[in-house]
Amino acid sequence: MDVMPEMFRPHLEGCVTEGLALARRPTVMVVRVRRHLARRERVVMLSKTCLYGAVGAVLLSTAAHAGLNFGPGFEVTFTGGNETMSGQASSLGSMTYLGNNIYHTGGFAAVSVGYLEWDALIDPDPFINGTFSITNTSTSTQTFTVNFTLDSSVQFAQSLMNGAFSGTLTDANGDGFASIGRTNGSAGFYSAFIDGNLVRSLGSSAYSYSGAAFGSSQVGPESFDPTTGPALNTTIGLQFRFTLSAGDSVSFASLFNVVDVPAPGALALLGAAGRFGSRRRR
């Protein structure tokens, strides 16, 4: 099922091509640590290539959607007003295996005051890279929360992590105004989690639009560069929690990526392997 709004499609092809090219890059098993550095390179490239600029979504062609409905544990929880809808992404929407440990998921969830649409690429090794939009269908400002929780297939004694978001706020009811802001007591409306513990927040500023009917304005972008994080044992997660003005909508492209930190001895081995390769080429 193709669930992504048409407004996002002009922004997709470059992001998808770049993201999948990086994710599918062959691994040269000279030593296992090559995989670590390939992932660390992807941390920077995915965030700066796919999220900066006007990234609207990660959406594949209709043919790519046709696949098997299974995959890693990826729970989606959507709360608006006093209602919550929660479940595995493969049950609420779809989950398609693309190869090389990459899955595509998309779906829809609704409560009485609004609805959520999401579309993402995930890897249980682990990263979450995708988009979602929320529309407030009520006549008053509402607080919305969306949580994406991914089961990790790996464990790290120490992690390296980075994340980012970029968004668009839209005056969907045509009254010439729209606003989004963080809720009381929160550090920002973007929150990243490892094993259920908050590790980083972004989006502490409020954003608003005022102008012609049905206009829009940019939210962010904001990011944090690769930085040392805690051990990873079970899950990574993203939470967005914010207030949204009546009748309006907001869409976000977001990223959270976690990799392990190679031991110094492994880096030395990789350097030796590189020097060996250079001698052979000469």
C-alpha atoms as a PDB file:
ATOM      1  CA  MET A   1       0.000   0.000   0.000  1.00  0.00           C
ATOM      2  CA  ASP A   2       1.350   3.381  -1.016  1.00  0.00           C
ATOM      3  CA  VAL A   3       0.578   5.746   1.868  1.00  0.00           C
ATOM      4  CA  MET A   4       2.811   8.747   1.164  1.00  0.00           C
ATOM      5  CA  PRO A   5       1.107  12.042   0.203  1.00  0.00           C
ATOM      6  CA  GLU A   6       1.778  13.310  -3.294  1.00  0.00           C
ATOM      7  CA  MET A   7       3.355  16.503  -1.903  1.00  0.00           C
ATOM      8  CA  PHE A   8       6.461  14.541  -0.894  1.00  0.00           C
ATOM      9  CA  ARG A   9       7.218  12.804  -4.185  1.00  0.00           C
ATOM     10  CA  PRO A  10       9.408  15.512  -5.818  1.00  0.00           C
ATOM     11  CA  HIS A  11      11.912  15.135  -2.970  1.00  0.00           C
ATOM     12  CA  LEU A  12      12.264  11.365  -2.990  1.00  0.00           C
ATOM     13  CA  GLU A  13      14.354   9.948  -5.795  1.00  0.00           C
ATOM     14  CA  GLY A  14      17.738  11.408  -4.837  1.00  0.00           C
ATOM     15  CA  CYS A  15      17.356  10.495  -1.163  1.00  0.00           C
ATOM     16  CA  VAL A  16      16.254   6.930  -1.853  1.00  0.00           C
ATOM     17  CA  THR A  17      18.971   6.323  -4.434  1.00  0.00           C
ATOM     18  CA  GLU A  18      21.685   7.673  -2.126  1.00  0.00           C
ATOM     19  CA  GLY A  19      20.398   5.888   0.969  1.00  0.00           C
ATOM     20  CA  LEU A  20      20.060   2.486  -0.671  1.00  0.00           C
ATOM     21  CA  ALA A  21      23.389   2.800  -2.466  1.00  0.00           C
ATOM     22  CA  LEU A  22      25.074   3.375   0.873  1.00  0.00           C
ATOM     23  CA  ALA A  23      23.131   0.655   2.646  1.00  0.00           C
ATOM     24  CA  ARG A  24      23.844  -1.915  -0.073  1.00  0.00           C
ATOM     25  CA  ARG A  25      27.541  -1.173  -0.397  1.00  0.00           C
ATOM     26  CA  PRO A  26      29.444  -4.500  -0.433  1.00  0.00           C
ATOM     27  CA  THR A  27      31.405  -5.427   2.681  1.00  0.00           C
ATOM     28  CA  VAL A  28      35.022  -6.446   2.142  1.00  0.00           C
ATOM     29  CA  MET A  29      35.762  -8.964   4.850  1.00  0.00           C
ATOM     30  CA  VAL A  30      39.524  -8.414   5.138  1.00  0.00           C
ATOM     31  CA  VAL A  31      38.887  -7.849   8.819  1.00  0.00           C
ATOM     32  CA  ARG A  32      35.553  -7.442  10.533  1.00  0.00           C
ATOM     33  CA  VAL A  33      36.213  -3.840  11.476  1.00  0.00           C
ATOM     34  CA  ARG A  34      35.720  -2.665   7.877  1.00  0.00           C
ATOM     35  CA  ARG A  35      32.037  -3.037   8.602  1.00  0.00           C
ATOM     36  CA  HIS A  36      32.325  -0.676  11.558  1.00  0.00           C
ATOM     37  CA  LEU A  37      33.925   2.068   9.504  1.00  0.00           C
ATOM     38  CA  ALA A  38      31.485   1.615   6.630  1.00  0.00           C
ATOM     39  CA  ARG A  39      28.645   2.153   9.097  1.00  0.00           C
ATOM     40  CA  ARG A  40      30.372   5.191  10.608  1.00  0.00           C
ATOM     41  CA  GLU A  41      30.737   6.708   7.151  1.00  0.00           C
ATOM     42  CA  ARG A  42      27.065   6.035   6.502  1.00  0.00           C
ATOM     43  CA  VAL A  43      26.143   7.888   9.717  1.00  0.00           C
ATOM     44  CA  VAL A  44      27.455  11.138   8.314  1.00  0.00           C
ATOM     45  CA  MET A  45      26.418  10.607   4.699  1.00  0.00           C
ATOM     46  CA  LEU A  46      22.826   9.604   5.425  1.00  0.00           C
ATOM     47  CA  SER A  47      22.207  12.572   7.687  1.00  0.00           C
ATOM     48  CA  LYS A  48      23.821  15.196   5.488  1.00  0.00           C
ATOM     49  CA  THR A  49      22.729  13.806   2.106  1.00  0.00           C
ATOM     50  CA  CYS A  50      19.183  12.721   2.869  1.00  0.00           C
ATOM     51  CA  LEU A  51      18.010  15.099   5.580  1.00  0.00           C
ATOM     52  CA  TYR A  52      19.496  18.502   4.742  1.00  0.00           C
ATOM     53  CA  GLY A  53      17.835  20.275   1.875  1.00  0.00           C
ATOM     54  CA  ALA A  54      14.116  19.712   1.404  1.00  0.00           C
ATOM     55  CA  VAL A  55      13.933  16.019   2.186  1.00  0.00           C
ATOM     56  CA  GLY A  56      10.331  15.043   2.385  1.00  0.00           C
ATOM     57  CA  ALA A  57      10.269  11.238   2.448  1.00  0.00           C
ATOM     58  CA  VAL A  58      11.795   7.877   1.862  1.00  0.00           C
ATOM     59  CA  LEU A  59       9.451   6.139  -0.594  1.00  0.00           C
ATOM     60  CA  LEU A  60      10.145   3.347  -3.032  1.00  0.00           C
ATOM     61  CA  SER A  61       8.394   2.524  -6.296  1.00  0.00           C
ATOM     62  CA  THR A  62       5.185   0.501  -6.334  1.00  0.00           C
ATOM     63  CA  ALA A  63       7.145  -2.543  -7.467  1.00  0.00           C
ATOM     64  CA  ALA A  64       9.470  -2.302  -4.486  1.00  0.00           C
ATOM     65  CA  HIS A  65       6.482  -2.284  -2.128  1.00  0.00           C
ATOM     66  CA  ALA A  66       5.434  -5.726  -3.307  1.00  0.00           C
ATOM     67  CA  GLY A  67       7.148  -8.021  -0.829  1.00  0.00           C
ATOM     68  CA  LEU A  68       6.795 -10.083   2.314  1.00  0.00           C
ATOM     69  CA  ASN A  69       4.959  -8.689   5.343  1.00  0.00           C
ATOM     70  CA  PHE A  70       7.425  -9.569   8.073  1.00  0.00           C
ATOM     71  CA  GLY A  71      10.522  -8.059   9.594  1.00  0.00           C
ATOM     72  CA  PRO A  72      12.175  -6.915  12.804  1.00  0.00           C
ATOM     73  CA  GLY A  73      10.154  -5.646  15.731  1.00  0.00           C
ATOM     74  CA  PHE A  74       9.236  -2.060  14.884  1.00  0.00           C
ATOM     75  CA  GLU A  75       6.490  -0.644  17.084  1.00  0.00           C
ATOM     76  CA  VAL A  76       4.541   2.493  16.190  1.00  0.00           C
ATOM     77  CA  THR A  77       2.583   4.316  18.906  1.00  0.00           C
ATOM     78  CA  PHE A  78       0.432   7.346  18.109  1.00  0.00           C
ATOM     79  CA  THR A  79      -1.308   9.457  20.758  1.00  0.00           C
ATOM     80  CA  GLY A  80      -3.589  12.441  20.268  1.00  0.00           C
ATOM     81  CA  GLY A  81      -5.959  13.898  22.814  1.00  0.00           C
ATOM     82  CA  ASN A  82      -6.711  11.072  25.244  1.00  0.00           C
ATOM     83  CA  GLU A  83      -6.479   8.274  22.660  1.00  0.00           C
ATOM     84  CA  THR A  84      -3.602   5.996  21.728  1.00  0.00           C
ATOM     85  CA  MET A  85      -3.164   3.621  18.810  1.00  0.00           C
ATOM     86  CA  SER A  86      -0.220   1.224  18.988  1.00  0.00           C
ATOM     87  CA  GLY A  87       1.078  -1.881  17.258  1.00  0.00           C
ATOM     88  CA  GLN A  88       3.764  -3.438  15.135  1.00  0.00           C
ATOM     89  CA  ALA A  89       4.348  -1.595  11.868  1.00  0.00           C
ATOM     90  CA  SER A  90       3.797  -4.805   9.900  1.00  0.00           C
ATOM     91  CA  SER A  91       0.280  -5.020  11.394  1.00  0.00           C
ATOM     92  CA  LEU A  92      -0.711  -1.350  11.252  1.00  0.00           C
ATOM     93  CA  GLY A  93       0.767  -0.938   7.779  1.00  0.00           C
ATOM     94  CA  SER A  94       3.290  -2.880   5.724  1.00  0.00           C
ATOM     95  CA  MET A  95       6.814  -4.256   6.080  1.00  0.00           C
ATOM     96  CA  THR A  96       8.868  -5.215   3.016  1.00  0.00           C
ATOM     97  CA  TYR A  97      12.365  -6.709   2.961  1.00  0.00           C
ATOM     98  CA  LEU A  98      14.601  -4.951   0.438  1.00  0.00           C
ATOM     99  CA  GLY A  99      17.810  -6.952   0.946  1.00  0.00           C
ATOM    100  CA  ASN A 100      21.061  -6.301   2.781  1.00  0.00           C
ATOM    101  CA  ASN A 101      19.250  -6.093   6.130  1.00  0.00           C
ATOM    102  CA  ILE A 102      17.133  -3.105   4.996  1.00  0.00           C
ATOM    103  CA  TYR A 103      13.348  -3.032   5.418  1.00  0.00           C
ATOM    104  CA  HIS A 104      10.754  -0.603   4.129  1.00  0.00           C
ATOM    105  CA  THR A 105       7.661   0.173   6.229  1.00  0.00           C
ATOM    106  CA  GLY A 106       4.711   2.471   5.686  1.00  0.00           C
ATOM    107  CA  GLY A 107       1.321   2.871   7.268  1.00  0.00           C
ATOM    108  CA  PHE A 108      -1.493   4.925   8.743  1.00  0.00           C
ATOM    109  CA  ALA A 109      -2.968   5.372  12.223  1.00  0.00           C
ATOM    110  CA  ALA A 110      -5.831   7.592  13.371  1.00  0.00           C
ATOM    111  CA  VAL A 111      -7.444   8.864  16.567  1.00  0.00           C
ATOM    112  CA  SER A 112     -10.459  11.139  16.883  1.00  0.00           C
ATOM    113  CA  VAL A 113      -8.410  14.388  16.847  1.00  0.00           C
ATOM    114  CA  GLY A 114      -5.941  13.552  14.077  1.00  0.00           C
ATOM    115  CA  TYR A 115      -4.057  11.016  12.013  1.00  0.00           C
ATOM    116  CA  LEU A 116      -0.518   9.822  11.358  1.00  0.00           C
ATOM    117  CA  GLU A 117       1.122   8.612   8.143  1.00  0.00           C
ATOM    118  CA  TRP A 118       4.659   7.183   8.145  1.00  0.00           C
ATOM    119  CA  ASP A 119       7.135   5.867   5.596  1.00  0.00           C
ATOM    120  CA  ALA A 120      10.635   4.706   6.541  1.00  0.00           C
ATOM    121  CA  LEU A 121      13.675   2.578   5.913  1.00  0.00           C
ATOM    122  CA  ILE A 122      14.889   0.636   8.940  1.00  0.00           C
ATOM    123  CA  ASP A 123      17.823  -1.644   9.695  1.00  0.00           C
ATOM    124  CA  PRO A 124      17.905  -3.703  12.912  1.00  0.00           C
ATOM    125  CA  ASP A 125      21.691  -3.183  12.963  1.00  0.00           C
ATOM    126  CA  PRO A 126      20.265  -0.438  13.793  1.00  0.00           C
ATOM    127  CA  PHE A 127      18.965   2.790  12.218  1.00  0.00           C
ATOM    128  CA  ILE A 128      15.641   4.517  11.583  1.00  0.00           C
ATOM    129  CA  ASN A 129      15.527   6.821   8.554  1.00  0.00           C
ATOM    130  CA  GLY A 130      12.187   8.038   7.270  1.00  0.00           C
ATOM    131  CA  THR A 131       9.296  10.447   7.321  1.00  0.00           C
ATOM    132  CA  PHE A 132       5.936  10.931   8.942  1.00  0.00           C
ATOM    133  CA  SER A 133       3.148  13.507   8.909  1.00  0.00           C
ATOM    134  CA  ILE A 134       0.483  14.353  11.476  1.00  0.00           C
ATOM    135  CA  THR A 135      -2.718  16.290  10.790  1.00  0.00           C
ATOM    136  CA  ASN A 136      -4.829  17.853  13.521  1.00  0.00           C
ATOM    137  CA  THR A 137      -8.449  17.342  12.435  1.00  0.00           C
ATOM    138  CA  SER A 138      -9.934  19.014  15.512  1.00  0.00           C
ATOM    139  CA  THR A 139     -10.978  22.623  16.106  1.00  0.00           C
ATOM    140  CA  SER A 140      -8.469  23.252  18.916  1.00  0.00           C
ATOM    141  CA  THR A 141      -4.726  22.944  19.539  1.00  0.00           C
ATOM    142  CA  GLN A 142      -3.797  19.345  20.394  1.00  0.00           C
ATOM    143  CA  THR A 143      -0.783  17.544  21.823  1.00  0.00           C
ATOM    144  CA  PHE A 144       0.451  14.667  19.678  1.00  0.00           C
ATOM    145  CA  THR A 145       3.060  12.013  20.427  1.00  0.00           C
ATOM    146  CA  VAL A 146       4.487   9.460  18.027  1.00  0.00           C
ATOM    147  CA  ASN A 147       6.988   6.791  19.074  1.00  0.00           C
ATOM    148  CA  PHE A 148       8.988   4.537  16.759  1.00  0.00           C
ATOM    149  CA  THR A 149      10.777   1.707  18.589  1.00  0.00           C
ATOM    150  CA  LEU A 150      13.103  -0.666  16.714  1.00  0.00           C
ATOM    151  CA  ASP A 151      14.414  -3.957  18.088  1.00  0.00           C
ATOM    152  CA  SER A 152      18.186  -4.144  17.664  1.00  0.00           C
ATOM    153  CA  SER A 153      19.815  -7.304  16.313  1.00  0.00           C
ATOM    154  CA  VAL A 154      23.188  -6.325  17.818  1.00  0.00           C
ATOM    155  CA  GLN A 155      24.594  -5.284  21.183  1.00  0.00           C
ATOM    156  CA  PHE A 156      27.338  -2.706  21.719  1.00  0.00           C
ATOM    157  CA  ALA A 157      29.391  -2.067  24.845  1.00  0.00           C
ATOM    158  CA  GLN A 158      29.686   1.551  23.699  1.00  0.00           C
ATOM    159  CA  SER A 159      27.874   3.252  20.848  1.00  0.00           C
ATOM    160  CA  LEU A 160      28.400   6.047  18.368  1.00  0.00           C
ATOM    161  CA  MET A 161      25.169   7.832  17.447  1.00  0.00           C
ATOM    162  CA  ASN A 162      23.832  10.687  15.366  1.00  0.00           C
ATOM    163  CA  GLY A 163      20.464  12.081  14.419  1.00  0.00           C
ATOM    164  CA  ALA A 164      18.605  14.850  12.638  1.00  0.00           C
ATOM    165  CA  PHE A 165      15.228  16.138  11.570  1.00  0.00           C
ATOM    166  CA  SER A 166      13.778  18.538   9.027  1.00  0.00           C
ATOM    167  CA  GLY A 167      10.108  19.464   8.780  1.00  0.00           C
ATOM    168  CA  THR A 168       7.363  21.436   7.082  1.00  0.00           C
ATOM    169  CA  LEU A 169       4.493  23.132   8.924  1.00  0.00           C
ATOM    170  CA  THR A 170       1.368  23.657   6.805  1.00  0.00           C
ATOM    171  CA  ASP A 171      -1.730  25.809   7.252  1.00  0.00           C
ATOM    172  CA  ALA A 172      -4.054  22.952   6.267  1.00  0.00           C
ATOM    173  CA  ASN A 173      -7.346  24.668   7.185  1.00  0.00           C
ATOM    174  CA  GLY A 174      -6.623  27.871   5.273  1.00  0.00           C
ATOM    175  CA  ASP A 175      -6.925  30.350   8.137  1.00  0.00           C
ATOM    176  CA  GLY A 176      -3.491  31.853   7.443  1.00  0.00           C
ATOM    177  CA  PHE A 177      -1.821  30.567  10.610  1.00  0.00           C
ATOM    178  CA  ALA A 178      -0.143  27.381  11.912  1.00  0.00           C
ATOM    179  CA  SER A 179       2.110  26.628  14.880  1.00  0.00           C
ATOM    180  CA  ILE A 180       4.052  23.799  16.488  1.00  0.00           C
ATOM    181  CA  GLY A 181       5.842  23.801  19.840  1.00  0.00           C
ATOM    182  CA  ARG A 182       7.341  21.541  22.452  1.00  0.00           C
ATOM    183  CA  THR A 183       5.258  20.494  25.429  1.00  0.00           C
ATOM    184  CA  ASN A 184       5.866  21.666  28.973  1.00  0.00           C
ATOM    185  CA  GLY A 185       8.685  19.816  30.703  1.00  0.00           C
ATOM    186  CA  SER A 186      10.269  18.425  27.522  1.00  0.00           C
ATOM    187  CA  ALA A 187      13.698  19.388  26.190  1.00  0.00           C
ATOM    188  CA  GLY A 188      12.481  19.316  22.570  1.00  0.00           C
ATOM    189  CA  PHE A 189       9.971  17.672  20.281  1.00  0.00           C
ATOM    190  CA  TYR A 190      12.608  15.267  18.832  1.00  0.00           C
ATOM    191  CA  SER A 191      13.914  12.719  21.352  1.00  0.00           C
ATOM    192  CA  ALA A 192      16.262   9.781  20.668  1.00  0.00           C
ATOM    193  CA  PHE A 193      16.360   6.716  22.917  1.00  0.00           C
ATOM    194  CA  ILE A 194      18.655   3.736  23.466  1.00  0.00           C
ATOM    195  CA  ASP A 195      17.196   0.859  25.515  1.00  0.00           C
ATOM    196  CA  GLY A 196      14.332   3.142  26.521  1.00  0.00           C
ATOM    197  CA  ASN A 197      16.627   5.820  27.947  1.00  0.00           C
ATOM    198  CA  LEU A 198      16.715   9.356  26.561  1.00  0.00           C
ATOM    199  CA  VAL A 199      20.101  10.073  24.941  1.00  0.00           C
ATOM    200  CA  ARG A 200      19.506  13.257  22.921  1.00  0.00           C
ATOM    201  CA  SER A 201      16.835  15.902  22.242  1.00  0.00           C
ATOM    202  CA  LEU A 202      16.368  18.426  19.438  1.00  0.00           C
ATOM    203  CA  GLY A 203      13.647  20.932  18.576  1.00  0.00           C
ATOM    204  CA  SER A 204      13.486  23.172  21.615  1.00  0.00           C
ATOM    205  CA  SER A 205      12.227  26.172  19.609  1.00  0.00           C
ATOM    206  CA  ALA A 206       8.640  26.878  18.640  1.00  0.00           C
ATOM    207  CA  TYR A 207       7.808  27.371  14.953  1.00  0.00           C
ATOM    208  CA  SER A 208       4.869  29.161  13.392  1.00  0.00           C
ATOM    209  CA  TYR A 209       3.470  30.200  10.021  1.00  0.00           C
ATOM    210  CA  SER A 210       1.538  33.366   9.317  1.00  0.00           C
ATOM    211  CA  GLY A 211       0.599  34.407   5.813  1.00  0.00           C
ATOM    212  CA  ALA A 212      -1.485  33.411   2.827  1.00  0.00           C
ATOM    213  CA  ALA A 213      -4.073  30.677   3.238  1.00  0.00           C
ATOM    214  CA  PHE A 214      -2.740  27.118   2.898  1.00  0.00           C
ATOM    215  CA  GLY A 215       0.867  28.274   3.012  1.00  0.00           C
ATOM    216  CA  SER A 216       3.723  26.508   4.780  1.00  0.00           C
ATOM    217  CA  SER A 217       7.040  27.177   6.503  1.00  0.00           C
ATOM    218  CA  GLN A 218      10.141  25.184   7.362  1.00  0.00           C
ATOM    219  CA  VAL A 219      10.747  23.520  10.723  1.00  0.00           C
ATOM    220  CA  GLY A 220      14.466  23.081  11.420  1.00  0.00           C
ATOM    221  CA  PRO A 221      16.609  21.425  10.232  1.00  0.00           C
ATOM    222  CA  GLU A 222      18.423  20.468  13.420  1.00  0.00           C
ATOM    223  CA  SER A 223      20.953  17.688  13.999  1.00  0.00           C
ATOM    224  CA  PHE A 224      23.625  16.292  16.248  1.00  0.00           C
ATOM    225  CA  ASP A 225      26.863  15.011  14.758  1.00  0.00           C
ATOM    226  CA  PRO A 226      28.297  11.578  15.593  1.00  0.00           C
ATOM    227  CA  THR A 227      28.918  11.443  19.314  1.00  0.00           C
ATOM    228  CA  THR A 228      29.675   8.744  21.862  1.00  0.00           C
ATOM    229  CA  GLY A 229      26.619   7.125  23.405  1.00  0.00           C
ATOM    230  CA  PRO A 230      25.824   4.438  25.970  1.00  0.00           C
ATOM    231  CA  ALA A 231      25.791   0.678  25.576  1.00  0.00           C
ATOM    232  CA  LEU A 232      23.099  -0.774  23.327  1.00  0.00           C
ATOM    233  CA  ASN A 233      21.326  -3.959  24.411  1.00  0.00           C
ATOM    234  CA  THR A 234      17.764  -4.154  23.067  1.00  0.00           C
ATOM    235  CA  THR A 235      16.199  -1.184  21.236  1.00  0.00           C
ATOM    236  CA  ILE A 236      16.621   2.245  19.700  1.00  0.00           C
ATOM    237  CA  GLY A 237      13.754   4.684  19.410  1.00  0.00           C
ATOM    238  CA  LEU A 238      12.559   8.052  18.195  1.00  0.00           C
ATOM    239  CA  GLN A 239       9.838  10.111  19.832  1.00  0.00           C
ATOM    240  CA  PHE A 240       8.217  13.274  18.531  1.00  0.00           C
ATOM    241  CA  ARG A 241       5.949  15.113  20.989  1.00  0.00           C
ATOM    242  CA  PHE A 242       4.522  18.565  20.282  1.00  0.00           C
ATOM    243  CA  THR A 243       1.498  20.813  20.229  1.00  0.00           C
ATOM    244  CA  LEU A 244      -0.086  21.478  16.834  1.00  0.00           C
ATOM    245  CA  SER A 245      -2.596  24.194  16.005  1.00  0.00           C
ATOM    246  CA  ALA A 246      -6.177  23.400  15.047  1.00  0.00           C
ATOM    247  CA  GLY A 247      -6.791  22.031  11.551  1.00  0.00           C
ATOM    248  CA  ASP A 248      -3.119  22.113  10.550  1.00  0.00           C
ATOM    249  CA  SER A 249      -0.450  19.555   9.683  1.00  0.00           C
ATOM    250  CA  VAL A 250       3.275  18.980  10.058  1.00  0.00           C
ATOM    251  CA  SER A 251       5.608  16.555   8.304  1.00  0.00           C
ATOM    252  CA  PHE A 252       9.085  15.460   9.355  1.00  0.00           C
ATOM    253  CA  ALA A 253      12.037  13.655   7.830  1.00  0.00           C
ATOM    254  CA  SER A 254      14.059  12.146  10.659  1.00  0.00           C
ATOM    255  CA  LEU A 255      17.104   9.996  11.313  1.00  0.00           C
ATOM    256  CA  PHE A 256      18.568   8.137  14.280  1.00  0.00           C
ATOM    257  CA  ASN A 257      21.563   5.880  13.671  1.00  0.00           C
ATOM    258  CA  VAL A 258      23.601   3.881  16.189  1.00  0.00           C
ATOM    259  CA  VAL A 259      26.838   1.991  15.519  1.00  0.00           C
ATOM    260  CA  ASP A 260      29.456   0.377  17.708  1.00  0.00           C
ATOM    261  CA  VAL A 261      32.805   1.973  18.519  1.00  0.00           C
ATOM    262  CA  PRO A 262      35.694  -0.140  17.125  1.00  0.00           C
ATOM    263  CA  ALA A 263      38.397  -1.097  19.597  1.00  0.00           C
ATOM    264  CA  PRO A 264      41.806   0.610  19.021  1.00  0.00           C
ATOM    265  CA  GLY A 265      43.371  -2.767  18.183  1.00  0.00           C
ATOM    266  CA  ALA A 266      40.814  -3.345  15.432  1.00  0.00           C
ATOM    267  CA  LEU A 267      41.592   0.045  13.902  1.00  0.00           C
ATOM    268  CA  ALA A 268      45.290  -0.853  13.881  1.00  0.00           C
ATOM    269  CA  LEU A 269      44.507  -4.083  12.046  1.00  0.00           C
ATOM    270  CA  LEU A 270      42.471  -2.166   9.483  1.00  0.00           C
ATOM    271  CA  GLY A 271      45.377   0.221   8.911  1.00  0.00           C
ATOM    272  CA  ALA A 272      47.735  -2.695   8.374  1.00  0.00           C
ATOM    273  CA  ALA A 273      45.328  -4.269   5.898  1.00  0.00           C
ATOM    274  CA  GLY A 274      45.159  -0.988   3.974  1.00  0.00           C
ATOM    275  CA  ARG A 275      48.943  -0.749   3.731  1.00  0.00           C
ATOM    276  CA  PHE A 276      49.083  -4.353   2.501  1.00  0.00           C
ATOM    277  CA  GLY A 277      46.560  -3.542  -0.212  1.00  0.00           C
ATOM    278  CA  SER A 278      48.593  -0.515  -1.318  1.00  0.00           C
ATOM    279  CA  ARG A 279      51.751  -2.585  -1.679  1.00  0.00           C
ATOM    280  CA  ARG A 280      49.933  -5.140  -3.831  1.00  0.00           C
ATOM    281  CA  ARG A 281      48.628  -2.406  -6.138  1.00  0.00           C
ATOM    282  CA  ARG A 282      52.156  -1.136  -6.704  1.00  0.00           C
END
